[in-house]
């Protein structure tokens, strides 16, 4: 089947061409999005796998009733473990107990640092070399390093392999989402990018089943790492982002992909298309390339970047911190992990219903306020032997629900705030901020050992601050995505200060030309 091409020649804006060729969401986009959704499974397995890799097991010192000392009160050098649930974990393999117990926390810290590094490194690579090849490279690296980790003879090698696997995971997280968003238009960006988070929760739940049937950290690590090798098939199954190709001036390659999309989705294109000067050409004339500094160089872009990054940090802190807080209440480890994953799904559904109806800004602020109020109310239900834990569990669950609203909103919101040429860097910086929050989370959760109110107070104040900073952000609902650095700076400014109608569209005024996409 071929696309319906008109004979007339037309000078078209790059975004106008992308919307006309691809439409909102058709069979071409659905196929690519389903393929990209599969990447969420190994991402979830890698991020959350430490729960089962280092699952706590009862232990005691050999020939002693104590855990860390012998009957003679000497330091213990050999331990006996209860292997009724797990035959082997990294805790039992390398005796990460007593004085070495902090190595488990270091393992998770190294993982989050690796994801943080991957967010930045792969984001920069994707903005310079395209979305497709860095994405495939990240999947291959995930497989190689993950499988090597499962055969690690020493803890230090395991730590190194997990770090490299986390770097690849961080890259896949950011690039996969951006590519998904860049092939969509109109209301479908909201719907599909929100629903694309559900496969992560599927990965969360399926990880429980993998752990249940393996019961050995080496088998578990191998099982969650090897499937990523299938990403090699994406060389033939997914295209490069046409929006990125146009943004960097590779119009001929973009047209080939857009014609294929138009043919599949049965959309019309003009016979001949003429482009205006691209951002790449303007940058070359100015003698510079876009980078992370461009996010902070100008005042409006700087304000939006800092406000959004803090909200990302609040989401990372709240999600991982509250999940850990709930897990300390006790119970079966498989049930606890499964339930904690289910909490996020209602948040995604609420997000889907509110993003287009109330806008990105209101949804983000609403989610942060729900998390803040829920965590604050926990203070009034301190732990006590005669009191039920149900109120704390319920309020913490509402907090996770709030974060479940804010997190996917932050993904979509960031992708619409930052211009195409630095979109990966922008979302990567936000994801980096979330990793910082997730690194802080265990330390915040541990404050409950000394005080009943410090932990919920911090979990309350951080999202509350994020909600206030969200007031500084412009609404992006119904607006054309900014392509260039100049458009990114103009986006969100006072419409009356804009120079022309095009700038007014980018300043947050509804773009009437965008409405056709919303009818697809």
Protein backbone atom coordinates (compact mmCIF):
# COMPACT_ATOMS: atom_id res chain seq x y z
CA UNK A 1 0.00 0.00 0.00
CA UNK A 2 1.26 3.47 -0.78
CA UNK A 3 0.45 6.78 0.85
CA UNK A 4 -1.89 9.13 -0.94
CA UNK A 5 0.43 11.88 -2.22
CA UNK A 6 -0.93 15.09 -3.68
CA UNK A 7 0.75 16.60 -6.74
CA UNK A 8 0.99 20.11 -5.31
CA UNK A 9 4.25 21.32 -3.80
CA UNK A 10 4.07 22.83 -0.33
CA UNK A 11 6.39 24.59 2.13
CA UNK A 12 5.70 22.87 5.42
CA UNK A 13 6.75 23.37 9.00
CA UNK A 14 8.51 20.30 10.37
CA UNK A 15 5.95 19.73 13.12
CA UNK A 16 3.09 20.23 10.66
CA UNK A 17 4.60 17.58 8.39
CA UNK A 18 5.06 15.13 11.28
CA UNK A 19 1.46 15.54 12.38
CA UNK A 20 0.07 15.25 8.86
CA UNK A 21 2.11 12.14 8.03
CA UNK A 22 1.80 10.21 11.28
CA UNK A 23 -1.53 11.52 12.54
CA UNK A 24 -2.40 11.13 16.20
CA UNK A 25 -2.09 7.38 16.69
CA UNK A 26 -2.55 4.67 14.09
CA UNK A 27 -1.41 1.15 13.33
CA UNK A 28 2.14 2.40 12.64
CA UNK A 29 2.46 3.95 16.11
CA UNK A 30 0.71 1.09 17.92
CA UNK A 31 3.19 -1.47 16.55
CA UNK A 32 6.19 0.59 17.66
CA UNK A 33 4.71 1.40 21.06
CA UNK A 34 3.98 -2.25 21.82
CA UNK A 35 7.58 -3.13 20.97
CA UNK A 36 8.91 -0.32 23.15
CA UNK A 37 6.61 -1.38 26.00
CA UNK A 38 8.40 -4.72 26.18
CA UNK A 39 11.52 -2.86 27.33
CA UNK A 40 9.73 -1.93 30.55
CA UNK A 41 9.88 -5.52 31.79
CA UNK A 42 13.68 -5.86 32.12
CA UNK A 43 13.83 -2.26 33.35
CA UNK A 44 11.53 -3.14 36.26
CA UNK A 45 13.37 -6.40 36.91
CA UNK A 46 16.71 -4.60 37.13
CA UNK A 47 15.52 -1.69 39.26
CA UNK A 48 13.55 -3.74 41.77
CA UNK A 49 15.48 -7.01 41.63
CA UNK A 50 17.52 -6.23 44.75
CA UNK A 51 14.43 -7.12 46.79
CA UNK A 52 14.98 -10.78 45.90
CA UNK A 53 18.71 -10.75 45.16
CA UNK A 54 19.36 -9.63 48.73
CA UNK A 55 16.21 -10.98 50.36
CA UNK A 56 16.61 -11.03 54.15
CA UNK A 57 16.94 -14.51 55.62
CA UNK A 58 17.07 -15.58 59.28
CA UNK A 59 20.59 -16.48 60.40
CA UNK A 60 22.71 -17.21 63.43
CA UNK A 61 26.33 -17.77 64.21
CA UNK A 62 27.50 -21.37 63.80
CA UNK A 63 27.51 -23.21 67.12
CA UNK A 64 25.84 -20.26 68.79
CA UNK A 65 22.34 -18.97 69.49
CA UNK A 66 23.41 -15.41 68.72
CA UNK A 67 23.42 -13.72 65.34
CA UNK A 68 26.75 -11.89 65.28
CA UNK A 69 28.79 -13.24 68.20
CA UNK A 70 29.79 -16.64 69.51
CA UNK A 71 28.85 -18.00 72.91
CA UNK A 72 32.18 -16.60 74.12
CA UNK A 73 31.13 -13.13 72.91
CA UNK A 74 33.72 -13.17 70.12
CA UNK A 75 32.95 -11.87 66.65
CA UNK A 76 31.34 -14.50 64.48
CA UNK A 77 33.11 -15.63 61.29
CA UNK A 78 30.67 -18.30 60.04
CA UNK A 79 26.89 -18.32 59.91
CA UNK A 80 24.06 -20.77 59.45
CA UNK A 81 21.16 -19.53 57.31
CA UNK A 82 17.52 -20.50 57.06
CA UNK A 83 17.18 -21.64 53.44
CA UNK A 84 13.53 -22.63 53.61
CA UNK A 85 12.45 -19.74 51.35
CA UNK A 86 15.58 -18.96 49.29
CA UNK A 87 18.29 -21.51 48.61
CA UNK A 88 20.84 -18.75 47.97
CA UNK A 89 20.91 -14.95 47.95
CA UNK A 90 23.83 -12.54 47.72
CA UNK A 91 23.47 -12.21 51.50
CA UNK A 92 24.09 -15.93 52.06
CA UNK A 93 26.60 -16.20 49.19
CA UNK A 94 28.95 -13.53 50.53
CA UNK A 95 27.85 -13.33 54.18
CA UNK A 96 26.46 -9.79 53.96
CA UNK A 97 25.34 -9.81 57.58
CA UNK A 98 26.37 -8.17 60.85
CA UNK A 99 29.29 -5.82 60.15
CA UNK A 100 28.93 -6.44 56.38
CA UNK A 101 25.17 -5.81 56.23
CA UNK A 102 25.62 -2.27 54.89
CA UNK A 103 27.01 -3.76 51.68
CA UNK A 104 23.42 -4.59 50.70
CA UNK A 105 22.54 -0.89 50.90
CA UNK A 106 25.70 -0.06 48.97
CA UNK A 107 24.58 -2.49 46.25
CA UNK A 108 21.34 -0.58 45.80
CA UNK A 109 23.15 2.76 45.99
CA UNK A 110 25.51 1.65 43.21
CA UNK A 111 22.52 0.56 41.12
CA UNK A 112 20.86 3.97 41.43
CA UNK A 113 24.11 5.76 40.65
CA UNK A 114 24.44 3.60 37.54
CA UNK A 115 20.92 4.48 36.40
CA UNK A 116 21.70 8.13 37.03
CA UNK A 117 24.85 7.91 34.91
CA UNK A 118 22.95 6.06 32.20
CA UNK A 119 20.23 8.71 32.10
CA UNK A 120 22.81 11.38 31.34
CA UNK A 121 25.25 9.47 29.09
CA UNK A 122 22.63 7.80 26.91
CA UNK A 123 20.48 10.93 26.78
CA UNK A 124 23.38 12.96 25.39
CA UNK A 125 24.17 10.14 22.96
CA UNK A 126 20.54 9.95 21.82
CA UNK A 127 20.33 13.69 21.19
CA UNK A 128 23.54 13.60 19.11
CA UNK A 129 23.38 10.23 17.35
CA UNK A 130 19.66 9.47 17.27
CA UNK A 131 17.23 7.48 19.40
CA UNK A 132 17.44 4.07 17.76
CA UNK A 133 21.07 2.93 17.97
CA UNK A 134 21.73 4.08 21.57
CA UNK A 135 18.50 2.30 22.58
CA UNK A 136 19.60 -0.98 21.00
CA UNK A 137 23.08 -0.62 22.48
CA UNK A 138 21.54 -0.19 25.94
CA UNK A 139 19.58 -3.45 25.57
CA UNK A 140 22.63 -5.42 24.48
CA UNK A 141 24.65 -3.98 27.36
CA UNK A 142 21.85 -4.90 29.77
CA UNK A 143 22.03 -8.52 28.66
CA UNK A 144 25.81 -8.88 28.69
CA UNK A 145 26.42 -7.24 32.06
CA UNK A 146 23.38 -8.85 33.69
CA UNK A 147 24.41 -12.34 32.62
CA UNK A 148 28.00 -11.71 33.73
CA UNK A 149 26.66 -10.60 37.12
CA UNK A 150 24.87 -13.93 37.55
CA UNK A 151 28.21 -15.78 37.21
CA UNK A 152 30.23 -13.39 39.38
CA UNK A 153 32.64 -15.29 41.66
CA UNK A 154 33.27 -12.30 43.91
CA UNK A 155 31.06 -9.59 45.34
CA UNK A 156 33.20 -6.82 43.85
CA UNK A 157 32.68 -8.22 40.32
CA UNK A 158 28.96 -8.53 40.97
CA UNK A 159 28.86 -4.89 42.08
CA UNK A 160 30.69 -3.74 38.94
CA UNK A 161 28.43 -5.72 36.61
CA UNK A 162 25.30 -4.43 38.34
CA UNK A 163 26.57 -0.87 37.95
CA UNK A 164 27.12 -1.33 34.20
CA UNK A 165 23.74 -3.02 33.86
CA UNK A 166 22.16 -0.05 35.65
CA UNK A 167 23.87 2.38 33.25
CA UNK A 168 22.26 0.54 30.34
CA UNK A 169 18.90 0.45 32.14
CA UNK A 170 18.99 4.19 32.69
CA UNK A 171 19.55 4.71 28.98
CA UNK A 172 16.72 2.39 27.94
CA UNK A 173 14.31 4.09 30.34
CA UNK A 174 14.84 7.57 28.94
CA UNK A 175 15.27 6.84 25.23
CA UNK A 176 12.37 4.41 25.03
CA UNK A 177 9.97 6.93 26.52
CA UNK A 178 11.16 9.82 24.35
CA UNK A 179 10.93 7.77 21.15
CA UNK A 180 7.42 6.72 22.12
CA UNK A 181 6.37 10.32 22.70
CA UNK A 182 7.97 11.63 19.48
CA UNK A 183 5.92 9.39 17.20
CA UNK A 184 2.63 10.54 18.77
CA UNK A 185 0.59 13.71 18.40
CA UNK A 186 -2.37 15.38 20.05
CA UNK A 187 -4.35 13.68 22.79
CA UNK A 188 -2.63 10.36 22.06
CA UNK A 189 0.60 11.63 23.61
CA UNK A 190 -1.30 11.84 26.89
CA UNK A 191 -3.12 8.53 26.63
CA UNK A 192 -0.38 6.28 25.28
CA UNK A 193 2.55 7.69 27.25
CA UNK A 194 0.56 7.29 30.46
CA UNK A 195 -0.49 3.74 29.62
CA UNK A 196 3.10 2.93 28.66
CA UNK A 197 3.95 2.88 32.38
CA UNK A 198 1.66 -0.11 32.96
CA UNK A 199 4.19 -2.59 31.45
CA UNK A 200 6.61 -1.47 34.19
CA UNK A 201 4.06 -2.62 36.76
CA UNK A 202 3.60 -5.84 34.82
CA UNK A 203 7.36 -6.28 35.14
CA UNK A 204 7.03 -5.56 38.87
CA UNK A 205 4.44 -8.31 39.25
CA UNK A 206 6.09 -10.88 36.96
CA UNK A 207 9.34 -10.43 38.86
CA UNK A 208 7.58 -11.91 41.89
CA UNK A 209 6.75 -15.03 39.89
CA UNK A 210 10.31 -15.35 38.59
CA UNK A 211 11.69 -15.08 42.12
CA UNK A 212 9.12 -17.52 43.47
CA UNK A 213 10.11 -20.25 41.01
CA UNK A 214 13.88 -19.67 40.98
CA UNK A 215 14.58 -19.12 44.72
CA UNK A 216 18.27 -18.66 43.85
CA UNK A 217 19.88 -15.30 43.14
CA UNK A 218 22.05 -16.56 40.27
CA UNK A 219 19.11 -18.16 38.45
CA UNK A 220 16.97 -15.08 39.13
CA UNK A 221 19.63 -12.67 37.85
CA UNK A 222 20.11 -14.74 34.69
CA UNK A 223 16.36 -15.05 34.10
CA UNK A 224 15.73 -11.29 34.32
CA UNK A 225 18.80 -10.32 32.24
CA UNK A 226 18.82 -12.64 29.23
CA UNK A 227 15.50 -11.55 27.59
CA UNK A 228 16.95 -8.09 26.81
CA UNK A 229 19.01 -9.65 24.01
CA UNK A 230 15.83 -9.67 21.89
CA UNK A 231 16.30 -5.92 21.41
CA UNK A 232 18.69 -6.74 18.54
CA UNK A 233 15.57 -7.43 16.47
CA UNK A 234 14.67 -3.75 16.86
CA UNK A 235 17.26 -2.98 14.19
CA UNK A 236 14.58 -4.06 11.70
CA UNK A 237 11.40 -3.54 13.71
CA UNK A 238 11.50 0.12 14.80
CA UNK A 239 12.49 3.28 12.88
CA UNK A 240 14.54 6.29 13.93
CA UNK A 241 12.52 9.18 15.37
CA UNK A 242 11.42 11.31 12.38
CA UNK A 243 11.10 14.36 14.63
CA UNK A 244 14.73 14.01 15.69
CA UNK A 245 15.85 13.52 12.09
CA UNK A 246 14.09 16.72 11.03
CA UNK A 247 15.39 18.64 14.04
CA UNK A 248 18.99 17.88 13.04
CA UNK A 249 18.44 18.52 9.34
CA UNK A 250 18.32 14.94 8.00
CA UNK A 251 15.15 15.59 6.02
CA UNK A 252 15.58 12.89 3.38
CA UNK A 253 15.76 10.13 5.99
CA UNK A 254 12.84 11.63 7.89
CA UNK A 255 10.71 11.74 4.73
CA UNK A 256 11.27 8.04 4.05
CA UNK A 257 9.99 7.17 7.52
CA UNK A 258 7.12 9.66 7.39
CA UNK A 259 5.97 8.31 4.01
CA UNK A 260 5.95 4.81 5.49
CA UNK A 261 3.93 6.06 8.45
CA UNK A 262 1.52 7.90 6.16
CA UNK A 263 1.04 4.78 4.02
CA UNK A 264 0.38 2.56 7.03
CA UNK A 265 -1.99 5.07 8.67
CA UNK A 266 -3.58 6.08 5.31
CA UNK A 267 -2.70 9.77 5.59
CA UNK A 268 -2.02 12.20 2.73
CA UNK A 269 1.23 14.03 2.02
CA UNK A 270 2.07 16.76 -0.56
CA UNK A 271 3.99 15.69 -3.65
CA UNK A 272 6.98 17.93 -2.88
CA UNK A 273 7.95 19.39 0.48
CA UNK A 274 10.25 22.34 1.16
CA UNK A 275 11.70 22.92 4.61
CA UNK A 276 12.82 26.08 6.34
CA UNK A 277 16.20 26.41 8.06
CA UNK A 278 16.60 23.68 10.68
CA UNK A 279 17.80 24.05 14.21
CA UNK A 280 20.92 22.11 13.28
CA UNK A 281 21.78 24.64 10.57
CA UNK A 282 21.18 27.56 12.91
CA UNK A 283 23.38 25.93 15.55
CA UNK A 284 26.15 25.28 13.02
CA UNK A 285 26.04 28.92 11.96
CA UNK A 286 26.36 29.91 15.61
CA UNK A 287 29.21 27.44 16.09
CA UNK A 288 27.69 25.47 19.00
CA UNK A 289 25.82 22.25 19.76
CA UNK A 290 22.99 21.84 22.27
CA UNK A 291 23.91 20.29 25.61
CA UNK A 292 22.82 20.14 29.23
CA UNK A 293 24.04 23.71 29.81
CA UNK A 294 21.33 24.96 27.45
CA UNK A 295 18.74 23.86 30.01
CA UNK A 296 20.11 26.47 32.43
CA UNK A 297 21.48 29.13 30.09
CA UNK A 298 18.34 31.27 29.73
CA UNK A 299 16.00 32.39 32.54
CA UNK A 300 12.71 30.80 31.45
CA UNK A 301 14.32 27.48 30.55
CA UNK A 302 16.28 27.53 33.82
CA UNK A 303 13.13 28.13 35.89
CA UNK A 304 11.27 25.28 34.20
CA UNK A 305 14.24 22.90 34.45
CA UNK A 306 14.83 23.45 38.17
CA UNK A 307 11.14 23.25 39.07
CA UNK A 308 10.65 20.06 37.09
CA UNK A 309 13.83 18.41 38.39
CA UNK A 310 12.74 19.01 41.99
CA UNK A 311 9.39 17.36 41.24
CA UNK A 312 11.21 14.37 39.75
CA UNK A 313 13.32 14.14 42.91
CA UNK A 314 10.18 14.26 45.06
CA UNK A 315 8.65 11.42 43.03
CA UNK A 316 11.74 9.23 43.38
CA UNK A 317 11.98 9.90 47.10
CA UNK A 318 8.29 9.23 47.68
CA UNK A 319 7.94 6.10 45.54
CA UNK A 320 10.94 4.18 46.84
CA UNK A 321 10.72 5.57 50.38
CA UNK A 322 7.05 4.75 50.90
CA UNK A 323 7.46 1.32 49.32
CA UNK A 324 10.24 0.59 51.80
CA UNK A 325 8.17 2.01 54.65
CA UNK A 326 5.28 -0.35 53.85
CA UNK A 327 7.61 -3.34 53.57
CA UNK A 328 8.87 -2.84 57.13
CA UNK A 329 5.42 -3.61 58.52
CA UNK A 330 6.06 -7.30 57.90
CA UNK A 331 4.44 -10.21 56.05
CA UNK A 332 5.27 -12.57 53.21
CA UNK A 333 7.94 -11.06 50.95
CA UNK A 334 6.27 -12.22 47.73
CA UNK A 335 2.89 -10.79 48.74
CA UNK A 336 4.42 -7.54 49.98
CA UNK A 337 6.28 -6.90 46.72
CA UNK A 338 3.23 -7.77 44.61
CA UNK A 339 0.93 -5.49 46.62
CA UNK A 340 3.35 -2.56 46.49
CA UNK A 341 3.31 -2.76 42.70
CA UNK A 342 -0.48 -2.79 42.54
CA UNK A 343 -0.65 0.55 44.37
CA UNK A 344 0.73 2.38 41.34
CA UNK A 345 -1.92 1.19 38.87
CA UNK A 346 -4.82 3.28 40.28
CA UNK A 347 -2.55 6.31 40.09
CA UNK A 348 -1.94 5.68 36.40
CA UNK A 349 -5.67 5.40 35.73
CA UNK A 350 -6.38 8.64 37.59
CA UNK A 351 -3.59 10.30 35.60
CA UNK A 352 -5.11 9.11 32.34
CA UNK A 353 -8.47 10.63 33.27
CA UNK A 354 -7.12 13.98 34.47
CA UNK A 355 -4.23 14.91 32.15
CA UNK A 356 -6.41 16.08 29.27
CA UNK A 357 -9.37 17.17 31.36
CA UNK A 358 -7.50 19.27 33.93
CA UNK A 359 -4.09 19.61 32.32
CA UNK A 360 -0.55 18.50 33.13
CA UNK A 361 0.08 21.23 35.68
CA UNK A 362 -3.00 20.55 37.79
CA UNK A 363 -2.46 16.78 37.66
CA UNK A 364 1.15 17.08 38.81
CA UNK A 365 0.29 19.44 41.65
CA UNK A 366 -2.72 17.35 42.67
CA UNK A 367 -0.67 14.16 42.89
CA UNK A 368 2.03 15.84 44.97
CA UNK A 369 -0.55 17.34 47.33
CA UNK A 370 -2.24 13.95 47.81
CA UNK A 371 1.11 12.37 48.69
CA UNK A 372 1.97 15.25 51.02
CA UNK A 373 -1.31 15.24 52.96
CA UNK A 374 -1.37 11.42 53.24
CA UNK A 375 2.16 11.29 54.64
CA UNK A 376 1.48 14.15 57.04
CA UNK A 377 -1.53 12.32 58.51
CA UNK A 378 0.69 9.32 59.32
CA UNK A 379 2.20 11.45 62.09
CA UNK A 380 -1.09 11.19 64.01
CA UNK A 381 -0.90 7.37 64.03
CA UNK A 382 2.40 6.54 65.74
CA UNK A 383 3.47 2.93 66.11
CA UNK A 384 2.33 1.33 69.36
CA UNK A 385 1.82 -2.29 70.48
CA UNK A 386 -1.87 -1.78 71.21
CA UNK A 387 -2.61 0.06 67.93
CA UNK A 388 -3.41 -1.37 64.54
CA UNK A 389 -1.00 -0.77 61.67
CA UNK A 390 -3.90 -0.44 59.22
CA UNK A 391 -4.14 3.40 59.33
CA UNK A 392 -0.43 3.77 58.55
CA UNK A 393 -0.62 1.22 55.75
CA UNK A 394 -3.70 2.91 54.28
CA UNK A 395 -2.20 6.41 54.42
CA UNK A 396 1.14 5.27 53.01
CA UNK A 397 -0.78 3.54 50.20
CA UNK A 398 -2.58 6.81 49.45
CA UNK A 399 0.84 8.47 49.36
CA UNK A 400 2.02 5.93 46.77
CA UNK A 401 -1.19 6.58 44.86
CA UNK A 402 -0.33 10.28 44.80
CA UNK A 403 3.19 9.55 43.58
CA UNK A 404 1.66 7.17 41.04
CA UNK A 405 -0.16 10.20 39.64
CA UNK A 406 2.82 12.57 39.74
CA UNK A 407 5.47 10.24 38.30
CA UNK A 408 3.94 9.53 34.86
CA UNK A 409 2.80 13.15 34.68
CA UNK A 410 6.41 14.28 35.20
CA UNK A 411 7.52 12.08 32.29
CA UNK A 412 4.95 13.49 29.89
CA UNK A 413 5.22 17.05 31.20
CA UNK A 414 9.01 17.09 30.80
CA UNK A 415 8.80 15.77 27.26
CA UNK A 416 6.46 18.60 26.32
CA UNK A 417 8.40 21.35 28.10
CA UNK A 418 11.83 20.67 26.61
CA UNK A 419 12.53 21.28 22.88
CA UNK A 420 13.38 18.37 20.58
CA UNK A 421 17.11 19.07 20.30
CA UNK A 422 17.58 18.73 24.09
CA UNK A 423 14.52 16.66 24.97
CA UNK A 424 16.51 13.57 25.90
CA UNK A 425 18.90 15.66 27.99
CA UNK A 426 15.95 17.32 29.72
CA UNK A 427 14.14 14.09 30.56
CA UNK A 428 17.47 12.49 31.45
CA UNK A 429 18.20 15.29 33.90
CA UNK A 430 14.77 14.83 35.45
CA UNK A 431 15.25 11.09 35.72
CA UNK A 432 18.66 11.77 37.28
CA UNK A 433 16.92 13.88 39.90
CA UNK A 434 14.52 11.00 40.59
CA UNK A 435 17.51 8.73 41.12
CA UNK A 436 18.92 11.19 43.65
CA UNK A 437 15.59 11.04 45.46
CA UNK A 438 15.63 7.24 45.41
CA UNK A 439 19.15 7.25 46.88
CA UNK A 440 18.01 9.48 49.72
CA UNK A 441 14.85 7.43 50.35
CA UNK A 442 16.40 4.61 52.46
CA UNK A 443 18.06 7.12 54.76
CA UNK A 444 14.80 9.01 55.21
CA UNK A 445 12.93 5.78 55.90
CA UNK A 446 15.53 4.84 58.54
CA UNK A 447 14.68 7.98 60.52
CA UNK A 448 11.63 6.10 61.86
CA UNK A 449 13.97 4.10 64.09
CA UNK A 450 14.59 7.22 66.19
CA UNK A 451 11.30 9.10 65.78
CA UNK A 452 7.78 8.27 64.64
CA UNK A 453 7.19 11.64 62.99
CA UNK A 454 10.46 12.50 61.20
CA UNK A 455 10.02 10.04 58.33
CA UNK A 456 6.41 10.97 57.44
CA UNK A 457 7.24 14.65 57.96
CA UNK A 458 10.02 14.58 55.36
CA UNK A 459 7.86 12.51 52.99
CA UNK A 460 5.20 15.20 53.41
CA UNK A 461 7.31 18.35 53.05
CA UNK A 462 9.19 17.31 49.92
CA UNK A 463 6.14 16.72 47.65
CA UNK A 464 4.50 19.81 49.15
CA UNK A 465 7.49 21.87 48.00
CA UNK A 466 7.24 20.20 44.60
CA UNK A 467 3.58 21.24 44.36
CA UNK A 468 4.45 24.88 45.04
CA UNK A 469 7.23 24.80 42.44
CA UNK A 470 4.76 23.29 39.98
CA UNK A 471 2.91 26.60 40.07
CA UNK A 472 5.85 28.13 38.18
CA UNK A 473 5.42 25.79 35.21
CA UNK A 474 3.33 26.59 32.10
CA UNK A 475 0.46 24.39 30.99
CA UNK A 476 1.34 22.29 27.91
CA UNK A 477 -2.04 20.72 27.14
CA UNK A 478 -3.01 21.33 23.52
CA UNK A 479 0.27 23.03 22.57
CA UNK A 480 2.73 22.19 19.79
CA UNK A 481 5.95 20.61 20.99
CA UNK A 482 8.84 23.11 20.92
CA UNK A 483 11.53 22.05 18.45
CA UNK A 484 14.36 24.55 18.84
CA UNK A 485 16.20 26.13 21.75
CA UNK A 486 14.60 29.47 20.93
CA UNK A 487 11.13 27.92 20.99
CA UNK A 488 11.95 26.19 24.26
CA UNK A 489 12.84 29.51 25.90
CA UNK A 490 9.72 31.23 24.52
CA UNK A 491 7.45 28.37 25.61
CA UNK A 492 5.64 29.40 28.80
CA UNK A 493 6.41 33.12 28.56
CA UNK A 494 3.73 35.79 28.77
CA UNK A 495 1.79 35.48 25.48
CA UNK A 496 1.51 39.28 25.24
CA UNK A 497 5.31 39.48 25.16
CA UNK A 498 5.61 37.03 22.27
CA UNK A 499 6.77 38.48 18.97
CA UNK A 500 4.26 36.81 16.70
CA UNK A 501 1.43 34.30 16.58
CA UNK A 502 3.78 31.35 16.31
CA UNK A 503 5.48 32.43 19.51
CA UNK A 504 2.09 32.82 21.17
CA UNK A 505 1.31 29.20 20.41
CA UNK A 506 4.56 28.23 22.03
CA UNK A 507 3.81 30.43 25.01
CA UNK A 508 0.98 28.17 26.09
CA UNK A 509 -1.96 29.61 24.12
CA UNK A 510 -4.01 26.84 22.50
CA UNK A 511 -2.78 26.14 18.99
CA UNK A 512 -5.87 25.80 16.80
CA UNK A 513 -3.92 23.82 14.22
CA UNK A 514 -3.30 21.23 16.90
CA UNK A 515 -7.02 20.42 17.11
CA UNK A 516 -7.02 18.25 14.00
CA UNK A 517 -4.71 15.82 15.75
CA UNK A 518 -7.03 15.57 18.70
CA UNK A 519 -9.79 14.25 16.46
CA UNK A 520 -7.77 11.26 15.24
